[in-house]
Amino acid sequence: MTKVKLTINNNGSVKIDGDFEIVDMQGNEYGLQGRTVVSICRCGMSANKPFCDGSHKGHFEHNAVAFDLPPKKA
């Protein structure tokens, strides 16, 4: 089984790459039309949420640097 890869982009979206599905709160699947790569909005400005439409350009700053989470709570 291949892992799905999420890439947190600097100053932008979360890119999802792999074999995945995206559903709403009721479990209804978004029609991705065969796409295996999509970008999810992080800034809240997209007119096409949950998908990125590039509205963040020049209006959203975040330097994406990986770090370790604290230990999982028991």
C-alpha atoms as a PDB file:
ATOM      1  CA  MET A   1       0.000   0.000   0.000  1.00  0.00           C
ATOM      2  CA  THR A   2       1.422   3.366  -1.047  1.00  0.00           C
ATOM      3  CA  LYS A   3       1.329   6.182   1.463  1.00  0.00           C
ATOM      4  CA  VAL A   4      -0.552   9.364   0.684  1.00  0.00           C
ATOM      5  CA  LYS A   5       1.808  12.341   0.888  1.00  0.00           C
ATOM      6  CA  LEU A   6       0.749  15.722   2.293  1.00  0.00           C
ATOM      7  CA  THR A   7       3.135  18.599   1.613  1.00  0.00           C
ATOM      8  CA  ILE A   8       2.736  21.799   3.633  1.00  0.00           C
ATOM      9  CA  ASN A   9       3.747  24.543   1.203  1.00  0.00           C
ATOM     10  CA  ASN A  10       5.406  27.753   2.340  1.00  0.00           C
ATOM     11  CA  ASN A  11       2.905  30.631   2.255  1.00  0.00           C
ATOM     12  CA  GLY A  12       0.243  28.441   0.692  1.00  0.00           C
ATOM     13  CA  SER A  13      -1.780  25.279   0.479  1.00  0.00           C
ATOM     14  CA  VAL A  14      -1.498  21.693   1.619  1.00  0.00           C
ATOM     15  CA  LYS A  15      -0.755  19.508  -1.418  1.00  0.00           C
ATOM     16  CA  ILE A  16      -2.197  15.983  -1.250  1.00  0.00           C
ATOM     17  CA  ASP A  17      -0.614  13.416  -3.550  1.00  0.00           C
ATOM     18  CA  GLY A  18      -1.637   9.766  -3.850  1.00  0.00           C
ATOM     19  CA  ASP A  19      -4.723   7.562  -3.810  1.00  0.00           C
ATOM     20  CA  PHE A  20      -7.193   9.334  -1.507  1.00  0.00           C
ATOM     21  CA  GLU A  21     -10.762  10.540  -1.183  1.00  0.00           C
ATOM     22  CA  ILE A  22     -12.076  13.752   0.355  1.00  0.00           C
ATOM     23  CA  VAL A  23     -15.486  13.781   2.040  1.00  0.00           C
ATOM     24  CA  ASP A  24     -17.650  16.452   3.691  1.00  0.00           C
ATOM     25  CA  MET A  25     -19.025  16.245   7.250  1.00  0.00           C
ATOM     26  CA  GLN A  26     -21.906  14.037   6.069  1.00  0.00           C
ATOM     27  CA  GLY A  27     -19.537  11.611   4.336  1.00  0.00           C
ATOM     28  CA  ASN A  28     -20.374  12.792   0.809  1.00  0.00           C
ATOM     29  CA  GLU A  29     -17.382  12.423  -1.486  1.00  0.00           C
ATOM     30  CA  TYR A  30     -16.038  15.385  -3.485  1.00  0.00           C
ATOM     31  CA  GLY A  31     -15.832  14.532  -7.194  1.00  0.00           C
ATOM     32  CA  LEU A  32     -12.110  14.761  -7.926  1.00  0.00           C
ATOM     33  CA  GLN A  33     -12.535  13.612 -11.542  1.00  0.00           C
ATOM     34  CA  GLY A  34      -9.611  11.175 -11.342  1.00  0.00           C
ATOM     35  CA  ARG A  35      -7.118  13.633  -9.817  1.00  0.00           C
ATOM     36  CA  THR A  36      -4.364  12.121  -7.677  1.00  0.00           C
ATOM     37  CA  VAL A  37      -2.952  15.538  -6.682  1.00  0.00           C
ATOM     38  CA  VAL A  38      -4.987  18.424  -5.223  1.00  0.00           C
ATOM     39  CA  SER A  39      -4.199  21.441  -3.053  1.00  0.00           C
ATOM     40  CA  ILE A  40      -6.258  22.257   0.039  1.00  0.00           C
ATOM     41  CA  CYS A  41      -6.738  25.862   1.185  1.00  0.00           C
ATOM     42  CA  ARG A  42      -5.038  26.855   4.468  1.00  0.00           C
ATOM     43  CA  CYS A  43      -5.606  30.614   4.334  1.00  0.00           C
ATOM     44  CA  GLY A  44      -9.421  30.665   4.223  1.00  0.00           C
ATOM     45  CA  MET A  45      -9.522  33.041   1.229  1.00  0.00           C
ATOM     46  CA  SER A  46     -10.293  30.554  -1.558  1.00  0.00           C
ATOM     47  CA  ALA A  47     -13.622  30.904  -3.356  1.00  0.00           C
ATOM     48  CA  ASN A  48     -13.367  27.167  -4.081  1.00  0.00           C
ATOM     49  CA  LYS A  49     -12.894  25.821  -0.504  1.00  0.00           C
ATOM     50  CA  PRO A  50     -11.782  23.328   0.549  1.00  0.00           C
ATOM     51  CA  PHE A  51      -9.559  23.541  -2.540  1.00  0.00           C
ATOM     52  CA  CYS A  52      -6.909  26.206  -3.103  1.00  0.00           C
ATOM     53  CA  ASP A  53      -7.515  28.746  -5.871  1.00  0.00           C
ATOM     54  CA  GLY A  54      -4.349  30.799  -5.308  1.00  0.00           C
ATOM     55  CA  SER A  55      -6.093  33.623  -3.419  1.00  0.00           C
ATOM     56  CA  HIS A  56      -3.442  33.392  -0.683  1.00  0.00           C
ATOM     57  CA  LYS A  57      -0.686  34.843  -2.866  1.00  0.00           C
ATOM     58  CA  GLY A  58       0.728  37.873  -1.085  1.00  0.00           C
ATOM     59  CA  HIS A  59      -1.807  37.573   1.772  1.00  0.00           C
ATOM     60  CA  PHE A  60      -0.736  34.521   3.780  1.00  0.00           C
ATOM     61  CA  GLU A  61       2.622  33.916   5.408  1.00  0.00           C
ATOM     62  CA  HIS A  62       3.806  30.667   6.932  1.00  0.00           C
ATOM     63  CA  ASN A  63       7.264  29.163   6.711  1.00  0.00           C
ATOM     64  CA  ALA A  64       6.649  25.414   6.604  1.00  0.00           C
ATOM     65  CA  VAL A  65       9.341  23.660   8.652  1.00  0.00           C
ATOM     66  CA  ALA A  66       8.770  20.135   9.939  1.00  0.00           C
ATOM     67  CA  PHE A  67       8.949  19.446  13.681  1.00  0.00           C
ATOM     68  CA  ASP A  68       8.142  16.622  16.082  1.00  0.00           C
ATOM     69  CA  LEU A  69       4.847  16.672  17.959  1.00  0.00           C
ATOM     70  CA  PRO A  70       4.927  16.014  21.699  1.00  0.00           C
ATOM     71  CA  PRO A  71       4.233  12.417  22.768  1.00  0.00           C
ATOM     72  CA  LYS A  72       0.685  11.188  22.248  1.00  0.00           C
ATOM     73  CA  LYS A  73      -1.482  11.467  25.360  1.00  0.00           C
ATOM     74  CA  ALA A  74      -2.560   8.187  26.903  1.00  0.00           C
END
